[in-house]
């Protein structure tokens, strides 16, 4: 988003995290198409995405569970933590002043094998 000649970086996962904490997920849904007709399904898919984004890899669903949720035979976990971005300890203190965070590295996200 250009703001008077300055390019502002936006990390979508950080925006998702902020909107989830504010209980305003529909703010990031596309309002120009049929998304409005399917608001409940849109929110459910966002919650599924957040479940998959948990920093703690043991809290993420297995792919078979994701498929079951997409098929409608299982519900999304309701006890989701909204901390799916990683900030190094020195940046954690200044988190309120950040407009975006750098995406976490792959080794951090993948968890133990």
Protein backbone atom coordinates (compact mmCIF):
# COMPACT_ATOMS: atom_id res chain seq x y z
CA UNK A 1 0.00 0.00 0.00
CA UNK A 2 1.70 3.20 -1.07
CA UNK A 3 1.33 5.93 1.51
CA UNK A 4 2.69 9.24 0.20
CA UNK A 5 5.55 7.59 -1.60
CA UNK A 6 6.40 5.18 1.21
CA UNK A 7 5.84 1.49 0.61
CA UNK A 8 4.31 -0.13 3.67
CA UNK A 9 4.81 -3.88 4.06
CA UNK A 10 1.78 -5.86 5.11
CA UNK A 11 2.09 -9.42 6.32
CA UNK A 12 -1.30 -11.07 5.76
CA UNK A 13 -0.89 -13.55 8.60
CA UNK A 14 -0.34 -10.62 10.98
CA UNK A 15 -3.49 -8.93 9.68
CA UNK A 16 -5.41 -12.20 10.15
CA UNK A 17 -4.06 -12.47 13.70
CA UNK A 18 -5.10 -8.90 14.56
CA UNK A 19 -8.59 -9.29 13.07
CA UNK A 20 -9.11 -12.62 14.87
CA UNK A 21 -8.18 -11.07 18.21
CA UNK A 22 -10.66 -8.24 17.54
CA UNK A 23 -13.36 -10.73 16.41
CA UNK A 24 -13.51 -8.92 13.05
CA UNK A 25 -12.55 -11.62 10.56
CA UNK A 26 -15.04 -10.43 7.95
CA UNK A 27 -13.05 -7.20 7.63
CA UNK A 28 -10.55 -9.09 5.49
CA UNK A 29 -13.09 -10.93 3.34
CA UNK A 30 -13.68 -9.75 -0.21
CA UNK A 31 -16.95 -7.82 -0.17
CA UNK A 32 -17.25 -7.50 -3.95
CA UNK A 33 -18.46 -11.02 -4.70
CA UNK A 34 -20.48 -13.91 -3.28
CA UNK A 35 -18.45 -13.99 -0.06
CA UNK A 36 -21.19 -11.99 1.67
CA UNK A 37 -23.68 -14.74 0.91
CA UNK A 38 -21.46 -17.30 2.61
CA UNK A 39 -20.12 -15.39 5.63
CA UNK A 40 -20.32 -18.38 7.99
CA UNK A 41 -18.39 -20.59 5.60
CA UNK A 42 -15.79 -17.85 5.04
CA UNK A 43 -15.23 -17.49 8.77
CA UNK A 44 -15.03 -21.27 9.15
CA UNK A 45 -12.32 -21.47 6.48
CA UNK A 46 -10.41 -18.62 8.14
CA UNK A 47 -10.56 -20.51 11.44
CA UNK A 48 -9.32 -23.64 9.69
CA UNK A 49 -6.42 -21.62 8.29
CA UNK A 50 -5.63 -20.26 11.75
CA UNK A 51 -5.72 -23.77 13.17
CA UNK A 52 -3.15 -24.79 10.58
CA UNK A 53 -1.00 -21.75 11.43
CA UNK A 54 -0.48 -22.54 15.11
CA UNK A 55 3.15 -21.89 16.12
CA UNK A 56 3.13 -25.03 18.25
CA UNK A 57 3.21 -27.75 15.61
CA UNK A 58 1.54 -30.23 17.98
CA UNK A 59 -1.59 -28.03 18.01
CA UNK A 60 -2.00 -28.10 14.22
CA UNK A 61 -4.45 -30.53 12.59
CA UNK A 62 -3.31 -33.49 10.55
CA UNK A 63 -4.06 -33.23 6.84
CA UNK A 64 -6.65 -35.97 7.19
CA UNK A 65 -8.44 -33.76 9.73
CA UNK A 66 -8.25 -30.77 7.37
CA UNK A 67 -9.87 -32.88 4.66
CA UNK A 68 -12.65 -33.93 7.05
CA UNK A 69 -13.31 -30.28 7.93
CA UNK A 70 -13.43 -29.35 4.24
CA UNK A 71 -15.83 -32.24 3.59
CA UNK A 72 -18.03 -31.09 6.47
CA UNK A 73 -17.72 -34.23 8.57
CA UNK A 74 -15.67 -32.57 11.34
CA UNK A 75 -15.66 -29.15 12.97
CA UNK A 76 -12.77 -26.75 13.31
CA UNK A 77 -11.00 -26.71 16.67
CA UNK A 78 -12.47 -23.96 18.83
CA UNK A 79 -9.51 -23.54 21.20
CA UNK A 80 -7.20 -21.74 18.77
CA UNK A 81 -4.39 -19.48 19.92
CA UNK A 82 -4.08 -16.32 17.88
CA UNK A 83 -0.31 -16.19 18.05
CA UNK A 84 0.76 -17.60 14.72
CA UNK A 85 3.54 -15.19 13.94
CA UNK A 86 6.95 -15.45 15.47
CA UNK A 87 8.81 -12.44 16.76
CA UNK A 88 12.32 -12.76 18.13
CA UNK A 89 12.46 -11.85 21.86
CA UNK A 90 14.01 -8.42 21.21
CA UNK A 91 11.13 -7.51 18.87
CA UNK A 92 8.42 -8.98 21.10
CA UNK A 93 8.67 -5.98 23.45
CA UNK A 94 7.96 -3.59 20.56
CA UNK A 95 5.23 -5.70 18.95
CA UNK A 96 2.55 -3.07 19.53
CA UNK A 97 4.52 -0.60 17.42
CA UNK A 98 4.95 -2.93 14.45
CA UNK A 99 2.68 -2.67 11.43
CA UNK A 100 3.83 -6.03 10.12
CA UNK A 101 6.13 -8.84 11.08
CA UNK A 102 8.46 -10.82 8.92
CA UNK A 103 7.17 -14.26 8.05
CA UNK A 104 8.59 -16.99 10.27
CA UNK A 105 11.24 -19.24 8.80
CA UNK A 106 10.30 -22.66 7.45
CA UNK A 107 12.34 -24.55 10.06
CA UNK A 108 10.38 -22.86 12.82
CA UNK A 109 6.99 -23.56 11.26
CA UNK A 110 7.52 -27.20 10.35
CA UNK A 111 8.04 -28.46 13.87
CA UNK A 112 9.74 -31.68 14.78
CA UNK A 113 9.70 -34.59 12.35
